[in-house]
């Protein structure tokens, strides 16, 4: 339970590209479950914003890569047409 949460929180902090939230570590001593969850929420809200922003930035690059791959392999609209004619 609590030790696993603390370990995962610490591991996540090490992997952050930049500080996400005000806490350096998850404090368990003397805190009830609700207080521990509140600490997790302090980190999750900035983390969620970071993931959403990163996803929006990444999506155009992925779409461009997909269209370039389709053009170089000759796939794309032709495959869609084949799928539709098979219906």
PDB file of N, CA and C in Angstrom:
ATOM      1  N   UNK A   1       0.739  -1.174   0.000  1.00  0.00           N
ATOM      2  CA  UNK A   1       0.000   0.000   0.000  1.00  0.00           C
ATOM      3  C   UNK A   1       0.802   1.273   0.000  1.00  0.00           C
ATOM      4  N   UNK A   2       0.981   1.810   1.195  1.00  0.00           N
ATOM      5  CA  UNK A   2       1.575   3.140   1.326  1.00  0.00           C
ATOM      6  C   UNK A   2       3.034   3.162   0.858  1.00  0.00           C
ATOM      7  N   UNK A   3       3.782   2.119   1.185  1.00  0.00           N
ATOM      8  CA  UNK A   3       5.195   2.081   0.759  1.00  0.00           C
ATOM      9  C   UNK A   3       5.299   2.027  -0.766  1.00  0.00           C
ATOM     10  N   UNK A   4       4.402   1.286  -1.391  1.00  0.00           N
ATOM     11  CA  UNK A   4       4.405   1.204  -2.854  1.00  0.00           C
ATOM     12  C   UNK A   4       4.088   2.563  -3.461  1.00  0.00           C
ATOM     13  N   UNK A   5       3.102   3.271  -2.880  1.00  0.00           N
ATOM     14  CA  UNK A   5       2.769   4.606  -3.368  1.00  0.00           C
ATOM     15  C   UNK A   5       3.972   5.531  -3.261  1.00  0.00           C
ATOM     16  N   UNK A   6       4.653   5.460  -2.117  1.00  0.00           N
ATOM     17  CA  UNK A   6       5.803   6.329  -1.902  1.00  0.00           C
ATOM     18  C   UNK A   6       6.918   5.995  -2.890  1.00  0.00           C
ATOM     19  N   UNK A   7       7.144   4.713  -3.135  1.00  0.00           N
ATOM     20  CA  UNK A   7       8.172   4.295  -4.092  1.00  0.00           C
ATOM     21  C   UNK A   7       7.838   4.763  -5.505  1.00  0.00           C
ATOM     22  N   UNK A   8       6.580   4.573  -5.910  1.00  0.00           N
ATOM     23  CA  UNK A   8       6.166   5.004  -7.242  1.00  0.00           C
ATOM     24  C   UNK A   8       6.249   6.518  -7.398  1.00  0.00           C
ATOM     25  N   UNK A   9       5.878   7.239  -6.358  1.00  0.00           N
ATOM     26  CA  UNK A   9       5.956   8.697  -6.391  1.00  0.00           C
ATOM     27  C   UNK A   9       7.412   9.114  -6.585  1.00  0.00           C
ATOM     28  N   UNK A  10       8.319   8.533  -5.807  1.00  0.00           N
ATOM     29  CA  UNK A  10       9.743   8.856  -5.910  1.00  0.00           C
ATOM     30  C   UNK A  10      10.310   8.511  -7.274  1.00  0.00           C
ATOM     31  N   UNK A  11       9.920   7.365  -7.816  1.00  0.00           N
ATOM     32  CA  UNK A  11      10.368   6.953  -9.135  1.00  0.00           C
ATOM     33  C   UNK A  11       9.885   7.949 -10.191  1.00  0.00           C
ATOM     34  N   UNK A  12       8.618   8.359 -10.076  1.00  0.00           N
ATOM     35  CA  UNK A  12       8.061   9.335 -11.009  1.00  0.00           C
ATOM     36  C   UNK A  12       8.778  10.671 -10.931  1.00  0.00           C
ATOM     37  N   UNK A  13       9.134  11.089  -9.731  1.00  0.00           N
ATOM     38  CA  UNK A  13       9.859  12.353  -9.565  1.00  0.00           C
ATOM     39  C   UNK A  13      11.208  12.291 -10.280  1.00  0.00           C
ATOM     40  N   UNK A  14      11.865  11.157 -10.245  1.00  0.00           N
ATOM     41  CA  UNK A  14      13.163  11.015 -10.904  1.00  0.00           C
ATOM     42  C   UNK A  14      13.044  11.119 -12.421  1.00  0.00           C
ATOM     43  N   UNK A  15      11.911  10.735 -12.964  1.00  0.00           N
ATOM     44  CA  UNK A  15      11.716  10.726 -14.409  1.00  0.00           C
ATOM     45  C   UNK A  15      11.104  12.013 -14.954  1.00  0.00           C
ATOM     46  N   UNK A  16      10.735  12.938 -14.089  1.00  0.00           N
ATOM     47  CA  UNK A  16      10.111  14.181 -14.540  1.00  0.00           C
ATOM     48  C   UNK A  16      11.047  14.970 -15.457  1.00  0.00           C
ATOM     49  N   UNK A  17      10.510  15.489 -16.568  1.00  0.00           N
ATOM     50  CA  UNK A  17      11.324  16.327 -17.446  1.00  0.00           C
ATOM     51  C   UNK A  17      11.584  17.699 -16.825  1.00  0.00           C
ATOM     52  N   UNK A  18      10.714  18.090 -15.926  1.00  0.00           N
ATOM     53  CA  UNK A  18      10.826  19.329 -15.148  1.00  0.00           C
ATOM     54  C   UNK A  18       9.972  19.140 -13.906  1.00  0.00           C
ATOM     55  N   UNK A  19      10.152  19.966 -12.869  1.00  0.00           N
ATOM     56  CA  UNK A  19       9.332  19.773 -11.660  1.00  0.00           C
ATOM     57  C   UNK A  19       7.829  19.876 -11.968  1.00  0.00           C
ATOM     58  N   UNK A  20       7.102  18.871 -11.547  1.00  0.00           N
ATOM     59  CA  UNK A  20       5.650  18.832 -11.744  1.00  0.00           C
ATOM     60  C   UNK A  20       4.997  18.754 -10.371  1.00  0.00           C
ATOM     61  N   UNK A  21       4.598  19.880  -9.861  1.00  0.00           N
ATOM     62  CA  UNK A  21       3.980  19.934  -8.547  1.00  0.00           C
ATOM     63  C   UNK A  21       4.969  20.376  -7.483  1.00  0.00           C
ATOM     64  N   UNK A  22       4.450  20.766  -6.342  1.00  0.00           N
ATOM     65  CA  UNK A  22       5.286  21.363  -5.298  1.00  0.00           C
ATOM     66  C   UNK A  22       6.014  20.360  -4.404  1.00  0.00           C
ATOM     67  N   UNK A  23       5.661  19.097  -4.437  1.00  0.00           N
ATOM     68  CA  UNK A  23       6.231  18.137  -3.496  1.00  0.00           C
ATOM     69  C   UNK A  23       7.441  17.424  -4.073  1.00  0.00           C
ATOM     70  N   UNK A  24       8.480  17.308  -3.257  1.00  0.00           N
ATOM     71  CA  UNK A  24       9.664  16.549  -3.650  1.00  0.00           C
ATOM     72  C   UNK A  24       9.500  15.065  -3.331  1.00  0.00           C
ATOM     73  N   UNK A  25       8.721  14.775  -2.286  1.00  0.00           N
ATOM     74  CA  UNK A  25       8.504  13.388  -1.863  1.00  0.00           C
ATOM     75  C   UNK A  25       7.104  13.274  -1.286  1.00  0.00           C
ATOM     76  N   UNK A  26       6.602  12.069  -1.271  1.00  0.00           N
ATOM     77  CA  UNK A  26       5.297  11.792  -0.690  1.00  0.00           C
ATOM     78  C   UNK A  26       5.474  11.565   0.804  1.00  0.00           C
ATOM     79  N   UNK A  27       4.812  12.366   1.621  1.00  0.00           N
ATOM     80  CA  UNK A  27       4.899  12.242   3.087  1.00  0.00           C
ATOM     81  C   UNK A  27       3.786  11.325   3.572  1.00  0.00           C
ATOM     82  N   UNK A  28       4.151  10.297   4.303  1.00  0.00           N
ATOM     83  CA  UNK A  28       3.163   9.347   4.806  1.00  0.00           C
ATOM     84  C   UNK A  28       2.982   9.434   6.308  1.00  0.00           C
ATOM     85  N   UNK A  29       4.041   9.734   7.031  1.00  0.00           N
ATOM     86  CA  UNK A  29       4.003   9.740   8.490  1.00  0.00           C
ATOM     87  C   UNK A  29       3.005  10.731   9.061  1.00  0.00           C
ATOM     88  N   UNK A  30       2.054  10.223   9.846  1.00  0.00           N
ATOM     89  CA  UNK A  30       1.082  11.086  10.499  1.00  0.00           C
ATOM     90  C   UNK A  30      -0.053  11.558   9.607  1.00  0.00           C
ATOM     91  N   UNK A  31      -0.103  11.094   8.366  1.00  0.00           N
ATOM     92  CA  UNK A  31      -1.162  11.506   7.442  1.00  0.00           C
ATOM     93  C   UNK A  31      -2.172  10.384   7.266  1.00  0.00           C
ATOM     94  N   UNK A  32      -3.463  10.764   7.195  1.00  0.00           N
ATOM     95  CA  UNK A  32      -4.481   9.757   6.906  1.00  0.00           C
ATOM     96  C   UNK A  32      -4.577   9.570   5.385  1.00  0.00           C
ATOM     97  N   UNK A  33      -5.407   8.607   4.954  1.00  0.00           N
ATOM     98  CA  UNK A  33      -5.516   8.290   3.529  1.00  0.00           C
ATOM     99  C   UNK A  33      -5.903   9.498   2.686  1.00  0.00           C
ATOM    100  N   UNK A  34      -6.854  10.290   3.178  1.00  0.00           N
ATOM    101  CA  UNK A  34      -7.310  11.468   2.426  1.00  0.00           C
ATOM    102  C   UNK A  34      -6.180  12.464   2.229  1.00  0.00           C
ATOM    103  N   UNK A  35      -5.358  12.652   3.239  1.00  0.00           N
ATOM    104  CA  UNK A  35      -4.240  13.592   3.118  1.00  0.00           C
ATOM    105  C   UNK A  35      -3.182  13.083   2.135  1.00  0.00           C
ATOM    106  N   UNK A  36      -2.976  11.779   2.114  1.00  0.00           N
ATOM    107  CA  UNK A  36      -2.033  11.205   1.148  1.00  0.00           C
ATOM    108  C   UNK A  36      -2.570  11.405  -0.268  1.00  0.00           C
ATOM    109  N   UNK A  37      -3.867  11.150  -0.464  1.00  0.00           N
ATOM    110  CA  UNK A  37      -4.473  11.355  -1.792  1.00  0.00           C
ATOM    111  C   UNK A  37      -4.374  12.816  -2.210  1.00  0.00           C
ATOM    112  N   UNK A  38      -4.537  13.736  -1.281  1.00  0.00           N
ATOM    113  CA  UNK A  38      -4.410  15.154  -1.612  1.00  0.00           C
ATOM    114  C   UNK A  38      -3.000  15.475  -2.105  1.00  0.00           C
ATOM    115  N   UNK A  39      -2.002  14.851  -1.493  1.00  0.00           N
ATOM    116  CA  UNK A  39      -0.631  15.040  -1.959  1.00  0.00           C
ATOM    117  C   UNK A  39      -0.472  14.513  -3.389  1.00  0.00           C
ATOM    118  N   UNK A  40      -1.055  13.354  -3.651  1.00  0.00           N
ATOM    119  CA  UNK A  40      -0.975  12.776  -4.998  1.00  0.00           C
ATOM    120  C   UNK A  40      -1.655  13.684  -6.023  1.00  0.00           C
ATOM    121  N   UNK A  41      -2.775  14.272  -5.644  1.00  0.00           N
ATOM    122  CA  UNK A  41      -3.482  15.178  -6.541  1.00  0.00           C
ATOM    123  C   UNK A  41      -2.662  16.426  -6.834  1.00  0.00           C
ATOM    124  N   UNK A  42      -1.870  16.887  -5.864  1.00  0.00           N
ATOM    125  CA  UNK A  42      -1.006  18.047  -6.091  1.00  0.00           C
ATOM    126  C   UNK A  42      -0.017  17.779  -7.224  1.00  0.00           C
ATOM    127  N   UNK A  43       0.369  16.547  -7.383  1.00  0.00           N
ATOM    128  CA  UNK A  43       1.291  16.184  -8.464  1.00  0.00           C
ATOM    129  C   UNK A  43       0.547  15.800  -9.730  1.00  0.00           C
ATOM    130  N   UNK A  44      -0.583  15.135  -9.594  1.00  0.00           N
ATOM    131  CA  UNK A  44      -1.293  14.631 -10.764  1.00  0.00           C
ATOM    132  C   UNK A  44      -1.845  15.740 -11.649  1.00  0.00           C
ATOM    133  N   UNK A  45      -2.333  16.820 -11.057  1.00  0.00           N
ATOM    134  CA  UNK A  45      -2.889  17.900 -11.885  1.00  0.00           C
ATOM    135  C   UNK A  45      -1.829  18.511 -12.801  1.00  0.00           C
ATOM    136  N   UNK A  46      -0.650  18.896 -12.288  1.00  0.00           N
ATOM    137  CA  UNK A  46       0.379  19.417 -13.208  1.00  0.00           C
ATOM    138  C   UNK A  46       0.880  18.349 -14.188  1.00  0.00           C
ATOM    139  N   UNK A  47       0.937  17.104 -13.749  1.00  0.00           N
ATOM    140  CA  UNK A  47       1.371  16.019 -14.626  1.00  0.00           C
ATOM    141  C   UNK A  47       0.387  15.841 -15.773  1.00  0.00           C
ATOM    142  N   UNK A  48      -0.891  15.870 -15.487  1.00  0.00           N
ATOM    143  CA  UNK A  48      -1.913  15.737 -16.522  1.00  0.00           C
ATOM    144  C   UNK A  48      -1.823  16.889 -17.525  1.00  0.00           C
ATOM    145  N   UNK A  49      -1.650  18.118 -17.030  1.00  0.00           N
ATOM    146  CA  UNK A  49      -1.496  19.267 -17.935  1.00  0.00           C
ATOM    147  C   UNK A  49      -0.276  19.086 -18.832  1.00  0.00           C
ATOM    148  N   UNK A  50       0.828  18.598 -18.260  1.00  0.00           N
ATOM    149  CA  UNK A  50       2.051  18.376 -19.036  1.00  0.00           C
ATOM    150  C   UNK A  50       1.813  17.336 -20.131  1.00  0.00           C
ATOM    151  N   UNK A  51       1.162  16.238 -19.795  1.00  0.00           N
ATOM    152  CA  UNK A  51       0.906  15.172 -20.766  1.00  0.00           C
ATOM    153  C   UNK A  51      -0.025  15.673 -21.877  1.00  0.00           C
ATOM    154  N   UNK A  52      -1.067  16.419 -21.506  1.00  0.00           N
ATOM    155  CA  UNK A  52      -1.995  16.941 -22.517  1.00  0.00           C
ATOM    156  C   UNK A  52      -1.286  17.907 -23.458  1.00  0.00           C
ATOM    157  N   UNK A  53      -0.475  18.801 -22.926  1.00  0.00           N
ATOM    158  CA  UNK A  53       0.257  19.767 -23.742  1.00  0.00           C
ATOM    159  C   UNK A  53       1.249  19.049 -24.655  1.00  0.00           C
ATOM    160  N   UNK A  54       1.974  18.099 -24.101  1.00  0.00           N
ATOM    161  CA  UNK A  54       2.948  17.349 -24.891  1.00  0.00           C
ATOM    162  C   UNK A  54       2.256  16.571 -26.004  1.00  0.00           C
ATOM    163  N   UNK A  55       1.105  15.988 -25.706  1.00  0.00           N
ATOM    164  CA  UNK A  55       0.353  15.225 -26.711  1.00  0.00           C
ATOM    165  C   UNK A  55      -0.105  16.120 -27.847  1.00  0.00           C
ATOM    166  N   UNK A  56      -0.585  17.318 -27.514  1.00  0.00           N
ATOM    167  CA  UNK A  56      -1.030  18.245 -28.560  1.00  0.00           C
ATOM    168  C   UNK A  56       0.138  18.656 -29.451  1.00  0.00           C
ATOM    169  N   UNK A  57       1.311  18.818 -28.866  1.00  0.00           N
ATOM    170  CA  UNK A  57       2.490  19.188 -29.659  1.00  0.00           C
ATOM    171  C   UNK A  57       2.980  18.025 -30.508  1.00  0.00           C
ATOM    172  N   UNK A  58       2.863  16.835 -30.006  1.00  0.00           N
ATOM    173  CA  UNK A  58       3.373  15.657 -30.690  1.00  0.00           C
ATOM    174  C   UNK A  58       2.465  15.197 -31.820  1.00  0.00           C
ATOM    175  N   UNK A  59       1.183  15.411 -31.683  1.00  0.00           N
ATOM    176  CA  UNK A  59       0.223  14.893 -32.660  1.00  0.00           C
ATOM    177  C   UNK A  59       0.500  15.343 -34.095  1.00  0.00           C
ATOM    178  N   UNK A  60       0.734  16.648 -34.366  1.00  0.00           N
ATOM    179  CA  UNK A  60       1.017  17.040 -35.754  1.00  0.00           C
ATOM    180  C   UNK A  60       2.264  16.348 -36.321  1.00  0.00           C
ATOM    181  N   UNK A  61       3.279  16.169 -35.494  1.00  0.00           N
ATOM    182  CA  UNK A  61       4.495  15.496 -35.966  1.00  0.00           C
ATOM    183  C   UNK A  61       4.203  14.037 -36.310  1.00  0.00           C
ATOM    184  N   UNK A  62       3.399  13.369 -35.495  1.00  0.00           N
ATOM    185  CA  UNK A  62       3.051  11.975 -35.769  1.00  0.00           C
ATOM    186  C   UNK A  62       2.195  11.850 -37.024  1.00  0.00           C
ATOM    187  N   UNK A  63       1.263  12.776 -37.197  1.00  0.00           N
ATOM    188  CA  UNK A  63       0.412  12.739 -38.388  1.00  0.00           C
ATOM    189  C   UNK A  63       1.245  12.967 -39.641  1.00  0.00           C
ATOM    190  N   UNK A  64       2.205  13.883 -39.568  1.00  0.00           N
ATOM    191  CA  UNK A  64       3.086  14.145 -40.705  1.00  0.00           C
ATOM    192  C   UNK A  64       3.913  12.900 -41.008  1.00  0.00           C
ATOM    193  N   UNK A  65       4.448  12.275 -39.973  1.00  0.00           N
ATOM    194  CA  UNK A  65       5.242  11.061 -40.159  1.00  0.00           C
ATOM    195  C   UNK A  65       4.405   9.955 -40.787  1.00  0.00           C
ATOM    196  N   UNK A  66       3.162   9.801 -40.320  1.00  0.00           N
ATOM    197  CA  UNK A  66       2.278   8.784 -40.889  1.00  0.00           C
ATOM    198  C   UNK A  66       2.011   9.043 -42.372  1.00  0.00           C
ATOM    199  N   UNK A  67       1.753  10.302 -42.731  1.00  0.00           N
ATOM    200  CA  UNK A  67       1.466  10.602 -44.128  1.00  0.00           C
ATOM    201  C   UNK A  67       2.708  10.415 -44.994  1.00  0.00           C
ATOM    202  N   UNK A  68       3.892  10.731 -44.457  1.00  0.00           N
ATOM    203  CA  UNK A  68       5.132  10.506 -45.202  1.00  0.00           C
ATOM    204  C   UNK A  68       5.383   9.016 -45.384  1.00  0.00           C
ATOM    205  N   UNK A  69       5.121   8.227 -44.356  1.00  0.00           N
ATOM    206  CA  UNK A  69       5.287   6.773 -44.458  1.00  0.00           C
ATOM    207  C   UNK A  69       4.335   6.205 -45.503  1.00  0.00           C
ATOM    208  N   UNK A  70       3.105   6.660 -45.501  1.00  0.00           N
ATOM    209  CA  UNK A  70       2.118   6.168 -46.456  1.00  0.00           C
ATOM    210  C   UNK A  70       2.536   6.529 -47.881  1.00  0.00           C
ATOM    211  N   UNK A  71       3.057   7.737 -48.071  1.00  0.00           N
ATOM    212  CA  UNK A  71       3.473   8.161 -49.403  1.00  0.00           C
ATOM    213  C   UNK A  71       4.684   7.360 -49.882  1.00  0.00           C
ATOM    214  N   UNK A  72       5.612   7.071 -48.975  1.00  0.00           N
ATOM    215  CA  UNK A  72       6.823   6.356 -49.385  1.00  0.00           C
ATOM    216  C   UNK A  72       6.580   4.873 -49.623  1.00  0.00           C
ATOM    217  N   UNK A  73       5.553   4.317 -49.009  1.00  0.00           N
ATOM    218  CA  UNK A  73       5.276   2.886 -49.203  1.00  0.00           C
ATOM    219  C   UNK A  73       4.141   2.641 -50.187  1.00  0.00           C
ATOM    220  N   UNK A  74       3.567   3.732 -50.674  1.00  0.00           N
ATOM    221  CA  UNK A  74       2.477   3.582 -51.631  1.00  0.00           C
ATOM    222  C   UNK A  74       1.177   3.180 -50.986  1.00  0.00           C
ATOM    223  N   UNK A  75       1.067   3.351 -49.676  1.00  0.00           N
ATOM    224  CA  UNK A  75      -0.187   3.034 -48.992  1.00  0.00           C
ATOM    225  C   UNK A  75      -0.924   4.323 -48.710  1.00  0.00           C
ATOM    226  N   UNK A  76      -2.080   4.197 -48.176  1.00  0.00           N
ATOM    227  CA  UNK A  76      -2.862   5.391 -47.862  1.00  0.00           C
ATOM    228  C   UNK A  76      -4.250   5.234 -48.420  1.00  0.00           C
ATOM    229  N   UNK A  77      -4.602   6.124 -49.367  1.00  0.00           N
ATOM    230  CA  UNK A  77      -5.951   6.115 -49.923  1.00  0.00           C
ATOM    231  C   UNK A  77      -6.267   4.801 -50.621  1.00  0.00           C
ATOM    232  N   UNK A  78      -5.271   4.183 -51.261  1.00  0.00           N
ATOM    233  CA  UNK A  78      -5.521   2.922 -51.953  1.00  0.00           C
ATOM    234  C   UNK A  78      -5.994   1.847 -50.988  1.00  0.00           C
ATOM    235  N   UNK A  79      -5.354   1.766 -49.812  1.00  0.00           N
ATOM    236  CA  UNK A  79      -5.738   0.761 -48.835  1.00  0.00           C
ATOM    237  C   UNK A  79      -7.139   1.008 -48.317  1.00  0.00           C
ATOM    238  N   UNK A  80      -7.472   2.276 -48.108  1.00  0.00           N
ATOM    239  CA  UNK A  80      -8.811   2.581 -47.620  1.00  0.00           C
ATOM    240  C   UNK A  80      -9.855   2.143 -48.635  1.00  0.00           C
ATOM    241  N   UNK A  81      -9.578   2.353 -49.921  1.00  0.00           N
ATOM    242  CA  UNK A  81     -10.492   1.953 -50.958  1.00  0.00           C
ATOM    243  C   UNK A  81     -10.681   0.447 -50.991  1.00  0.00           C
ATOM    244  N   UNK A  82      -9.590  -0.285 -50.781  1.00  0.00           N
ATOM    245  CA  UNK A  82      -9.680  -1.751 -50.772  1.00  0.00           C
ATOM    246  C   UNK A  82     -10.524  -2.236 -49.616  1.00  0.00           C
ATOM    247  N   UNK A  83     -10.353  -1.583 -48.463  1.00  0.00           N
ATOM    248  CA  UNK A  83     -11.137  -1.997 -47.297  1.00  0.00           C
ATOM    249  C   UNK A  83     -12.617  -1.755 -47.535  1.00  0.00           C
ATOM    250  N   UNK A  84     -12.938  -0.628 -48.137  1.00  0.00           N
ATOM    251  CA  UNK A  84     -14.334  -0.293 -48.357  1.00  0.00           C
ATOM    252  C   UNK A  84     -14.964  -1.216 -49.389  1.00  0.00           C
ATOM    253  N   UNK A  85     -14.208  -1.592 -50.432  1.00  0.00           N
ATOM    254  CA  UNK A  85     -14.793  -2.447 -51.451  1.00  0.00           C
ATOM    255  C   UNK A  85     -15.016  -3.863 -50.952  1.00  0.00           C
ATOM    256  N   UNK A  86     -14.313  -4.235 -49.879  1.00  0.00           N
ATOM    257  CA  UNK A  86     -14.472  -5.553 -49.301  1.00  0.00           C
ATOM    258  C   UNK A  86     -15.676  -5.682 -48.419  1.00  0.00           C
ATOM    259  N   UNK A  87     -16.362  -4.593 -48.164  1.00  0.00           N
ATOM    260  CA  UNK A  87     -17.525  -4.621 -47.261  1.00  0.00           C
ATOM    261  C   UNK A  87     -18.743  -5.184 -47.931  1.00  0.00           C
TER     262      UNK A  87
END
